């Protein structure tokens, strides 16, 4: 499956970033007509999955001291949405982090 990776710098502690990123991921899924979003946080990492436009989308969020990285796996049939997804993740997470 093709992957998208977005890394955004931050200046917060990890717990604050997690609080801010959670709703940003929910907004991103909603922006792409996502349904059944599940985000499973394990300390500063999370795996997520949802359905969008008939596709199963999955990925991961990793928060470290200086940046947050969102990796997304798209099915080949959803490749036409790759750039739109990358821009949406970047926009929503950057906005959530106050950027």
PDB file of N, CA and C in Angstrom:
ATOM      1  N   UNK A   1       0.832  -1.182   0.000  1.00  0.00           N
ATOM      2  CA  UNK A   1       0.000   0.000   0.000  1.00  0.00           C
ATOM      3  C   UNK A   1       0.877   1.246   0.000  1.00  0.00           C
ATOM      4  N   UNK A   2       0.490   2.249  -0.755  1.00  0.00           N
ATOM      5  CA  UNK A   2       1.227   3.515  -0.738  1.00  0.00           C
ATOM      6  C   UNK A   2       1.096   4.199   0.618  1.00  0.00           C
ATOM      7  N   UNK A   3       2.153   4.879   1.017  1.00  0.00           N
ATOM      8  CA  UNK A   3       2.163   5.535   2.319  1.00  0.00           C
ATOM      9  C   UNK A   3       2.345   7.030   2.173  1.00  0.00           C
ATOM     10  N   UNK A   4       1.757   7.746   3.106  1.00  0.00           N
ATOM     11  CA  UNK A   4       1.922   9.181   3.240  1.00  0.00           C
ATOM     12  C   UNK A   4       2.557   9.398   4.600  1.00  0.00           C
ATOM     13  N   UNK A   5       3.527  10.286   4.670  1.00  0.00           N
ATOM     14  CA  UNK A   5       4.136  10.617   5.950  1.00  0.00           C
ATOM     15  C   UNK A   5       4.212  12.135   6.061  1.00  0.00           C
ATOM     16  N   UNK A   6       3.677  12.644   7.160  1.00  0.00           N
ATOM     17  CA  UNK A   6       3.681  14.083   7.422  1.00  0.00           C
ATOM     18  C   UNK A   6       4.326  14.299   8.787  1.00  0.00           C
ATOM     19  N   UNK A   7       5.328  15.180   8.838  1.00  0.00           N
ATOM     20  CA  UNK A   7       5.992  15.503  10.099  1.00  0.00           C
ATOM     21  C   UNK A   7       5.848  16.994  10.345  1.00  0.00           C
ATOM     22  N   UNK A   8       5.374  17.336  11.541  1.00  0.00           N
ATOM     23  CA  UNK A   8       5.115  18.730  11.894  1.00  0.00           C
ATOM     24  C   UNK A   8       5.807  19.036  13.222  1.00  0.00           C
ATOM     25  N   UNK A   9       6.616  20.082  13.260  1.00  0.00           N
ATOM     26  CA  UNK A   9       7.300  20.441  14.509  1.00  0.00           C
ATOM     27  C   UNK A   9       6.316  21.017  15.536  1.00  0.00           C
ATOM     28  N   UNK A  10       6.685  20.900  16.805  1.00  0.00           N
ATOM     29  CA  UNK A  10       5.872  21.485  17.875  1.00  0.00           C
ATOM     30  C   UNK A  10       6.790  21.946  19.002  1.00  0.00           C
ATOM     31  N   UNK A  11       6.215  22.729  19.913  1.00  0.00           N
ATOM     32  CA  UNK A  11       6.974  23.252  21.048  1.00  0.00           C
ATOM     33  C   UNK A  11       6.251  22.969  22.359  1.00  0.00           C
ATOM     34  N   UNK A  12       5.563  21.867  22.428  1.00  0.00           N
ATOM     35  CA  UNK A  12       4.775  21.506  23.602  1.00  0.00           C
ATOM     36  C   UNK A  12       5.308  20.224  24.219  1.00  0.00           C
ATOM     37  N   UNK A  13       4.826  19.917  25.433  1.00  0.00           N
ATOM     38  CA  UNK A  13       5.150  18.613  25.991  1.00  0.00           C
ATOM     39  C   UNK A  13       4.286  17.573  25.281  1.00  0.00           C
ATOM     40  N   UNK A  14       4.699  16.328  25.378  1.00  0.00           N
ATOM     41  CA  UNK A  14       4.025  15.257  24.625  1.00  0.00           C
ATOM     42  C   UNK A  14       2.550  15.125  24.971  1.00  0.00           C
ATOM     43  N   UNK A  15       2.210  15.241  26.246  1.00  0.00           N
ATOM     44  CA  UNK A  15       0.806  15.093  26.653  1.00  0.00           C
ATOM     45  C   UNK A  15      -0.067  16.171  26.007  1.00  0.00           C
ATOM     46  N   UNK A  16       0.424  17.398  25.943  1.00  0.00           N
ATOM     47  CA  UNK A  16      -0.321  18.479  25.314  1.00  0.00           C
ATOM     48  C   UNK A  16      -0.502  18.218  23.825  1.00  0.00           C
ATOM     49  N   UNK A  17       0.539  17.738  23.177  1.00  0.00           N
ATOM     50  CA  UNK A  17       0.453  17.444  21.743  1.00  0.00           C
ATOM     51  C   UNK A  17      -0.592  16.361  21.492  1.00  0.00           C
ATOM     52  N   UNK A  18      -0.593  15.327  22.310  1.00  0.00           N
ATOM     53  CA  UNK A  18      -1.580  14.249  22.145  1.00  0.00           C
ATOM     54  C   UNK A  18      -2.994  14.812  22.277  1.00  0.00           C
ATOM     55  N   UNK A  19      -3.220  15.685  23.273  1.00  0.00           N
ATOM     56  CA  UNK A  19      -4.534  16.297  23.451  1.00  0.00           C
ATOM     57  C   UNK A  19      -4.947  17.107  22.229  1.00  0.00           C
ATOM     58  N   UNK A  20      -3.996  17.776  21.604  1.00  0.00           N
ATOM     59  CA  UNK A  20      -4.288  18.615  20.446  1.00  0.00           C
ATOM     60  C   UNK A  20      -4.426  17.804  19.159  1.00  0.00           C
ATOM     61  N   UNK A  21      -3.659  16.733  19.032  1.00  0.00           N
ATOM     62  CA  UNK A  21      -3.657  15.939  17.804  1.00  0.00           C
ATOM     63  C   UNK A  21      -4.904  15.068  17.686  1.00  0.00           C
ATOM     64  N   UNK A  22      -5.411  14.576  18.784  1.00  0.00           N
ATOM     65  CA  UNK A  22      -6.597  13.706  18.757  1.00  0.00           C
ATOM     66  C   UNK A  22      -7.753  14.352  17.979  1.00  0.00           C
ATOM     67  N   UNK A  23      -8.181  15.581  18.348  1.00  0.00           N
ATOM     68  CA  UNK A  23      -9.281  16.179  17.582  1.00  0.00           C
ATOM     69  C   UNK A  23      -8.892  16.524  16.141  1.00  0.00           C
ATOM     70  N   UNK A  24      -7.619  16.809  15.896  1.00  0.00           N
ATOM     71  CA  UNK A  24      -7.166  17.087  14.525  1.00  0.00           C
ATOM     72  C   UNK A  24      -7.309  15.845  13.650  1.00  0.00           C
ATOM     73  N   UNK A  25      -7.018  14.682  14.205  1.00  0.00           N
ATOM     74  CA  UNK A  25      -7.174  13.444  13.453  1.00  0.00           C
ATOM     75  C   UNK A  25      -8.658  13.154  13.205  1.00  0.00           C
ATOM     76  N   UNK A  26      -9.501  13.440  14.203  1.00  0.00           N
ATOM     77  CA  UNK A  26     -10.935  13.253  14.031  1.00  0.00           C
ATOM     78  C   UNK A  26     -11.460  14.182  12.925  1.00  0.00           C
ATOM     79  N   UNK A  27     -10.998  15.431  12.913  1.00  0.00           N
ATOM     80  CA  UNK A  27     -11.413  16.378  11.877  1.00  0.00           C
ATOM     81  C   UNK A  27     -10.948  15.907  10.506  1.00  0.00           C
ATOM     82  N   UNK A  28      -9.722  15.419  10.420  1.00  0.00           N
ATOM     83  CA  UNK A  28      -9.204  14.946   9.139  1.00  0.00           C
ATOM     84  C   UNK A  28     -10.050  13.793   8.609  1.00  0.00           C
ATOM     85  N   UNK A  29     -10.379  12.841   9.468  1.00  0.00           N
ATOM     86  CA  UNK A  29     -11.234  11.727   9.041  1.00  0.00           C
ATOM     87  C   UNK A  29     -12.589  12.248   8.573  1.00  0.00           C
ATOM     88  N   UNK A  30     -13.156  13.193   9.318  1.00  0.00           N
ATOM     89  CA  UNK A  30     -14.458  13.760   8.928  1.00  0.00           C
ATOM     90  C   UNK A  30     -14.369  14.507   7.607  1.00  0.00           C
ATOM     91  N   UNK A  31     -13.267  15.216   7.385  1.00  0.00           N
ATOM     92  CA  UNK A  31     -13.082  15.956   6.125  1.00  0.00           C
ATOM     93  C   UNK A  31     -13.120  15.013   4.924  1.00  0.00           C
ATOM     94  N   UNK A  32     -12.721  13.774   5.130  1.00  0.00           N
ATOM     95  CA  UNK A  32     -12.706  12.782   4.046  1.00  0.00           C
ATOM     96  C   UNK A  32     -13.862  11.799   4.170  1.00  0.00           C
ATOM     97  N   UNK A  33     -14.953  12.263   4.789  1.00  0.00           N
ATOM     98  CA  UNK A  33     -16.159  11.463   4.959  1.00  0.00           C
ATOM     99  C   UNK A  33     -15.862  10.139   5.658  1.00  0.00           C
ATOM    100  N   UNK A  34     -14.936  10.204   6.607  1.00  0.00           N
ATOM    101  CA  UNK A  34     -14.546   9.005   7.350  1.00  0.00           C
ATOM    102  C   UNK A  34     -15.608   8.564   8.329  1.00  0.00           C
ATOM    103  N   UNK A  35     -15.679   7.265   8.521  1.00  0.00           N
ATOM    104  CA  UNK A  35     -16.616   6.670   9.465  1.00  0.00           C
ATOM    105  C   UNK A  35     -15.876   5.645  10.308  1.00  0.00           C
ATOM    106  N   UNK A  36     -16.381   5.454  11.508  1.00  0.00           N
ATOM    107  CA  UNK A  36     -15.872   4.408  12.402  1.00  0.00           C
ATOM    108  C   UNK A  36     -14.394   4.608  12.746  1.00  0.00           C
ATOM    109  N   UNK A  37     -13.987   5.866  12.993  1.00  0.00           N
ATOM    110  CA  UNK A  37     -12.603   6.138  13.364  1.00  0.00           C
ATOM    111  C   UNK A  37     -12.292   5.531  14.717  1.00  0.00           C
ATOM    112  N   UNK A  38     -11.203   4.773  14.779  1.00  0.00           N
ATOM    113  CA  UNK A  38     -10.697   4.212  16.031  1.00  0.00           C
ATOM    114  C   UNK A  38      -9.247   4.652  16.163  1.00  0.00           C
ATOM    115  N   UNK A  39      -8.923   5.317  17.283  1.00  0.00           N
ATOM    116  CA  UNK A  39      -7.547   5.718  17.570  1.00  0.00           C
ATOM    117  C   UNK A  39      -7.148   5.038  18.873  1.00  0.00           C
ATOM    118  N   UNK A  40      -6.107   4.244  18.827  1.00  0.00           N
ATOM    119  CA  UNK A  40      -5.639   3.481  19.988  1.00  0.00           C
ATOM    120  C   UNK A  40      -4.289   4.038  20.437  1.00  0.00           C
ATOM    121  N   UNK A  41      -4.307   4.890  21.487  1.00  0.00           N
ATOM    122  CA  UNK A  41      -3.079   5.490  22.007  1.00  0.00           C
ATOM    123  C   UNK A  41      -2.381   4.538  22.969  1.00  0.00           C
ATOM    124  N   UNK A  42      -1.096   4.399  22.805  1.00  0.00           N
ATOM    125  CA  UNK A  42      -0.224   3.655  23.712  1.00  0.00           C
ATOM    126  C   UNK A  42       0.930   4.602  24.050  1.00  0.00           C
ATOM    127  N   UNK A  43       0.776   5.332  25.140  1.00  0.00           N
ATOM    128  CA  UNK A  43       1.713   6.381  25.539  1.00  0.00           C
ATOM    129  C   UNK A  43       1.773   7.456  24.467  1.00  0.00           C
ATOM    130  N   UNK A  44       2.897   7.611  23.763  1.00  0.00           N
ATOM    131  CA  UNK A  44       3.035   8.693  22.787  1.00  0.00           C
ATOM    132  C   UNK A  44       2.917   8.212  21.342  1.00  0.00           C
ATOM    133  N   UNK A  45       2.303   7.059  21.155  1.00  0.00           N
ATOM    134  CA  UNK A  45       2.083   6.503  19.819  1.00  0.00           C
ATOM    135  C   UNK A  45       0.643   6.040  19.713  1.00  0.00           C
ATOM    136  N   UNK A  46       0.106   6.140  18.506  1.00  0.00           N
ATOM    137  CA  UNK A  46      -1.260   5.675  18.301  1.00  0.00           C
ATOM    138  C   UNK A  46      -1.382   5.029  16.931  1.00  0.00           C
ATOM    139  N   UNK A  47      -2.162   3.988  16.884  1.00  0.00           N
ATOM    140  CA  UNK A  47      -2.569   3.401  15.611  1.00  0.00           C
ATOM    141  C   UNK A  47      -4.023   3.815  15.397  1.00  0.00           C
ATOM    142  N   UNK A  48      -4.384   4.065  14.158  1.00  0.00           N
ATOM    143  CA  UNK A  48      -5.762   4.439  13.881  1.00  0.00           C
ATOM    144  C   UNK A  48      -6.224   3.767  12.596  1.00  0.00           C
ATOM    145  N   UNK A  49      -7.542   3.672  12.464  1.00  0.00           N
ATOM    146  CA  UNK A  49      -8.138   3.176  11.229  1.00  0.00           C
ATOM    147  C   UNK A  49      -9.561   3.706  11.124  1.00  0.00           C
ATOM    148  N   UNK A  50      -9.994   3.851   9.882  1.00  0.00           N
ATOM    149  CA  UNK A  50     -11.360   4.275   9.606  1.00  0.00           C
ATOM    150  C   UNK A  50     -11.704   3.906   8.168  1.00  0.00           C
ATOM    151  N   UNK A  51     -12.974   4.055   7.840  1.00  0.00           N
ATOM    152  CA  UNK A  51     -13.429   3.800   6.472  1.00  0.00           C
ATOM    153  C   UNK A  51     -13.785   5.135   5.845  1.00  0.00           C
ATOM    154  N   UNK A  52     -13.433   5.282   4.560  1.00  0.00           N
ATOM    155  CA  UNK A  52     -13.725   6.510   3.853  1.00  0.00           C
ATOM    156  C   UNK A  52     -13.996   6.195   2.386  1.00  0.00           C
ATOM    157  N   UNK A  53     -15.156   6.616   1.913  1.00  0.00           N
ATOM    158  CA  UNK A  53     -15.522   6.435   0.507  1.00  0.00           C
ATOM    159  C   UNK A  53     -15.338   4.991   0.038  1.00  0.00           C
ATOM    160  N   UNK A  54     -15.632   4.048   0.927  1.00  0.00           N
ATOM    161  CA  UNK A  54     -15.523   2.635   0.585  1.00  0.00           C
ATOM    162  C   UNK A  54     -14.141   2.041   0.771  1.00  0.00           C
ATOM    163  N   UNK A  55     -13.170   2.849   1.212  1.00  0.00           N
ATOM    164  CA  UNK A  55     -11.802   2.374   1.418  1.00  0.00           C
ATOM    165  C   UNK A  55     -11.523   2.218   2.909  1.00  0.00           C
ATOM    166  N   UNK A  56     -10.687   1.257   3.253  1.00  0.00           N
ATOM    167  CA  UNK A  56     -10.195   1.116   4.621  1.00  0.00           C
ATOM    168  C   UNK A  56      -8.862   1.843   4.701  1.00  0.00           C
ATOM    169  N   UNK A  57      -8.774   2.788   5.623  1.00  0.00           N
ATOM    170  CA  UNK A  57      -7.590   3.621   5.791  1.00  0.00           C
ATOM    171  C   UNK A  57      -7.006   3.311   7.164  1.00  0.00           C
ATOM    172  N   UNK A  58      -5.684   3.171   7.231  1.00  0.00           N
ATOM    173  CA  UNK A  58      -5.051   2.962   8.529  1.00  0.00           C
ATOM    174  C   UNK A  58      -3.751   3.742   8.575  1.00  0.00           C
ATOM    175  N   UNK A  59      -3.288   3.948   9.795  1.00  0.00           N
ATOM    176  CA  UNK A  59      -2.056   4.690   9.948  1.00  0.00           C
ATOM    177  C   UNK A  59      -1.610   4.744  11.392  1.00  0.00           C
ATOM    178  N   UNK A  60      -0.651   5.633  11.641  1.00  0.00           N
ATOM    179  CA  UNK A  60      -0.081   5.765  12.979  1.00  0.00           C
ATOM    180  C   UNK A  60       0.308   7.215  13.225  1.00  0.00           C
ATOM    181  N   UNK A  61       0.299   7.590  14.491  1.00  0.00           N
ATOM    182  CA  UNK A  61       0.751   8.904  14.938  1.00  0.00           C
ATOM    183  C   UNK A  61       1.852   8.656  15.965  1.00  0.00           C
ATOM    184  N   UNK A  62       2.965   9.363  15.813  1.00  0.00           N
ATOM    185  CA  UNK A  62       4.063   9.266  16.776  1.00  0.00           C
ATOM    186  C   UNK A  62       4.398  10.677  17.231  1.00  0.00           C
ATOM    187  N   UNK A  63       4.401  10.883  18.550  1.00  0.00           N
ATOM    188  CA  UNK A  63       4.734  12.179  19.128  1.00  0.00           C
ATOM    189  C   UNK A  63       6.073  12.046  19.830  1.00  0.00           C
ATOM    190  N   UNK A  64       7.035  12.901  19.430  1.00  0.00           N
ATOM    191  CA  UNK A  64       8.292  12.925  20.163  1.00  0.00           C
ATOM    192  C   UNK A  64       8.490  14.328  20.731  1.00  0.00           C
ATOM    193  N   UNK A  65       9.667  14.614  21.239  1.00  0.00           N
ATOM    194  CA  UNK A  65       9.890  15.880  21.937  1.00  0.00           C
ATOM    195  C   UNK A  65       9.765  17.117  21.057  1.00  0.00           C
ATOM    196  N   UNK A  66      10.012  17.007  19.769  1.00  0.00           N
ATOM    197  CA  UNK A  66      10.040  18.187  18.903  1.00  0.00           C
ATOM    198  C   UNK A  66       9.089  18.135  17.716  1.00  0.00           C
ATOM    199  N   UNK A  67       8.525  16.956  17.436  1.00  0.00           N
ATOM    200  CA  UNK A  67       7.662  16.855  16.258  1.00  0.00           C
ATOM    201  C   UNK A  67       6.648  15.733  16.418  1.00  0.00           C
ATOM    202  N   UNK A  68       5.605  15.845  15.595  1.00  0.00           N
ATOM    203  CA  UNK A  68       4.595  14.792  15.521  1.00  0.00           C
ATOM    204  C   UNK A  68       4.597  14.286  14.080  1.00  0.00           C
ATOM    205  N   UNK A  69       4.579  12.973  13.941  1.00  0.00           N
ATOM    206  CA  UNK A  69       4.582  12.358  12.620  1.00  0.00           C
ATOM    207  C   UNK A  69       3.318  11.533  12.447  1.00  0.00           C
ATOM    208  N   UNK A  70       2.649  11.748  11.325  1.00  0.00           N
ATOM    209  CA  UNK A  70       1.459  10.978  10.985  1.00  0.00           C
ATOM    210  C   UNK A  70       1.785  10.191   9.724  1.00  0.00           C
ATOM    211  N   UNK A  71       1.680   8.881   9.821  1.00  0.00           N
ATOM    212  CA  UNK A  71       1.864   7.994   8.674  1.00  0.00           C
ATOM    213  C   UNK A  71       0.495   7.420   8.318  1.00  0.00           C
ATOM    214  N   UNK A  72       0.205   7.405   7.039  1.00  0.00           N
ATOM    215  CA  UNK A  72      -1.088   6.943   6.557  1.00  0.00           C
ATOM    216  C   UNK A  72      -0.863   5.961   5.419  1.00  0.00           C
ATOM    217  N   UNK A  73      -1.577   4.862   5.446  1.00  0.00           N
ATOM    218  CA  UNK A  73      -1.519   3.885   4.360  1.00  0.00           C
ATOM    219  C   UNK A  73      -2.818   3.952   3.576  1.00  0.00           C
ATOM    220  N   UNK A  74      -2.675   4.175   2.289  1.00  0.00           N
ATOM    221  CA  UNK A  74      -3.835   4.227   1.405  1.00  0.00           C
ATOM    222  C   UNK A  74      -3.858   2.999   0.508  1.00  0.00           C
ATOM    223  N   UNK A  75      -5.030   2.449   0.243  1.00  0.00           N
ATOM    224  CA  UNK A  75      -5.120   1.385  -0.745  1.00  0.00           C
ATOM    225  C   UNK A  75      -4.746   1.953  -2.122  1.00  0.00           C
ATOM    226  N   UNK A  76      -4.241   1.113  -2.997  1.00  0.00           N
ATOM    227  CA  UNK A  76      -3.862   1.575  -4.334  1.00  0.00           C
ATOM    228  C   UNK A  76      -5.023   2.274  -5.038  1.00  0.00           C
ATOM    229  N   UNK A  77      -6.220   1.780  -4.836  1.00  0.00           N
ATOM    230  CA  UNK A  77      -7.393   2.361  -5.499  1.00  0.00           C
ATOM    231  C   UNK A  77      -7.692   3.781  -5.019  1.00  0.00           C
ATOM    232  N   UNK A  78      -7.118   4.187  -3.887  1.00  0.00           N
ATOM    233  CA  UNK A  78      -7.356   5.522  -3.343  1.00  0.00           C
ATOM    234  C   UNK A  78      -6.192   6.477  -3.608  1.00  0.00           C
ATOM    235  N   UNK A  79      -5.277   6.092  -4.482  1.00  0.00           N
ATOM    236  CA  UNK A  79      -4.096   6.914  -4.754  1.00  0.00           C
ATOM    237  C   UNK A  79      -4.446   8.316  -5.244  1.00  0.00           C
ATOM    238  N   UNK A  80      -5.585   8.482  -5.880  1.00  0.00           N
ATOM    239  CA  UNK A  80      -5.967   9.797  -6.380  1.00  0.00           C
ATOM    240  C   UNK A  80      -6.169  10.798  -5.241  1.00  0.00           C
ATOM    241  N   UNK A  81      -6.304  10.295  -4.007  1.00  0.00           N
ATOM    242  CA  UNK A  81      -6.518  11.164  -2.851  1.00  0.00           C
ATOM    243  C   UNK A  81      -5.233  11.414  -2.060  1.00  0.00           C
ATOM    244  N   UNK A  82      -4.108  10.918  -2.541  1.00  0.00           N
ATOM    245  CA  UNK A  82      -2.855  10.987  -1.779  1.00  0.00           C
ATOM    246  C   UNK A  82      -2.470  12.425  -1.409  1.00  0.00           C
ATOM    247  N   UNK A  83      -2.382  13.304  -2.395  1.00  0.00           N
ATOM    248  CA  UNK A  83      -1.972  14.684  -2.114  1.00  0.00           C
ATOM    249  C   UNK A  83      -3.010  15.422  -1.281  1.00  0.00           C
ATOM    250  N   UNK A  84      -4.270  15.170  -1.556  1.00  0.00           N
ATOM    251  CA  UNK A  84      -5.341  15.808  -0.785  1.00  0.00           C
ATOM    252  C   UNK A  84      -5.272  15.362   0.683  1.00  0.00           C
ATOM    253  N   UNK A  85      -5.010  14.087   0.903  1.00  0.00           N
ATOM    254  CA  UNK A  85      -4.892  13.570   2.270  1.00  0.00           C
ATOM    255  C   UNK A  85      -3.687  14.191   2.972  1.00  0.00           C
ATOM    256  N   UNK A  86      -2.572  14.269   2.268  1.00  0.00           N
ATOM    257  CA  UNK A  86      -1.360  14.845   2.857  1.00  0.00           C
ATOM    258  C   UNK A  86      -1.594  16.307   3.251  1.00  0.00           C
ATOM    259  N   UNK A  87      -2.228  17.064   2.376  1.00  0.00           N
ATOM    260  CA  UNK A  87      -2.524  18.466   2.668  1.00  0.00           C
ATOM    261  C   UNK A  87      -3.503  18.598   3.826  1.00  0.00           C
ATOM    262  N   UNK A  88      -4.507  17.721   3.872  1.00  0.00           N
ATOM    263  CA  UNK A  88      -5.495  17.764   4.946  1.00  0.00           C
ATOM    264  C   UNK A  88      -4.883  17.469   6.304  1.00  0.00           C
ATOM    265  N   UNK A  89      -4.037  16.446   6.368  1.00  0.00           N
ATOM    266  CA  UNK A  89      -3.362  16.108   7.626  1.00  0.00           C
ATOM    267  C   UNK A  89      -2.484  17.274   8.062  1.00  0.00           C
ATOM    268  N   UNK A  90      -1.685  17.796   7.129  1.00  0.00           N
ATOM    269  CA  UNK A  90      -0.785  18.908   7.455  1.00  0.00           C
ATOM    270  C   UNK A  90      -1.571  20.102   7.971  1.00  0.00           C
ATOM    271  N   UNK A  91      -2.637  20.471   7.275  1.00  0.00           N
ATOM    272  CA  UNK A  91      -3.447  21.628   7.661  1.00  0.00           C
ATOM    273  C   UNK A  91      -4.080  21.446   9.041  1.00  0.00           C
ATOM    274  N   UNK A  92      -4.707  20.301   9.269  1.00  0.00           N
ATOM    275  CA  UNK A  92      -5.426  20.088  10.528  1.00  0.00           C
ATOM    276  C   UNK A  92      -4.500  19.952  11.721  1.00  0.00           C
ATOM    277  N   UNK A  93      -3.412  19.229  11.566  1.00  0.00           N
ATOM    278  CA  UNK A  93      -2.489  19.062  12.700  1.00  0.00           C
ATOM    279  C   UNK A  93      -1.749  20.374  12.977  1.00  0.00           C
ATOM    280  N   UNK A  94      -1.331  21.079  11.937  1.00  0.00           N
ATOM    281  CA  UNK A  94      -0.656  22.366  12.135  1.00  0.00           C
ATOM    282  C   UNK A  94      -1.589  23.343  12.842  1.00  0.00           C
ATOM    283  N   UNK A  95      -2.836  23.404  12.411  1.00  0.00           N
ATOM    284  CA  UNK A  95      -3.814  24.297  13.053  1.00  0.00           C
ATOM    285  C   UNK A  95      -4.031  23.910  14.514  1.00  0.00           C
ATOM    286  N   UNK A  96      -4.112  22.617  14.793  1.00  0.00           N
ATOM    287  CA  UNK A  96      -4.326  22.155  16.172  1.00  0.00           C
ATOM    288  C   UNK A  96      -3.149  22.512  17.070  1.00  0.00           C
ATOM    289  N   UNK A  97      -1.964  22.556  16.487  1.00  0.00           N
ATOM    290  CA  UNK A  97      -0.772  22.896  17.264  1.00  0.00           C
ATOM    291  C   UNK A  97      -0.524  24.407  17.307  1.00  0.00           C
ATOM    292  N   UNK A  98      -1.471  25.158  16.752  1.00  0.00           N
ATOM    293  CA  UNK A  98      -1.377  26.614  16.823  1.00  0.00           C
ATOM    294  C   UNK A  98      -0.485  27.234  15.770  1.00  0.00           C
ATOM    295  N   UNK A  99      -0.244  26.487  14.669  1.00  0.00           N
ATOM    296  CA  UNK A  99       0.681  26.997  13.643  1.00  0.00           C
ATOM    297  C   UNK A  99       0.053  27.638  12.500  1.00  0.00           C
TER     298      UNK A  99
END
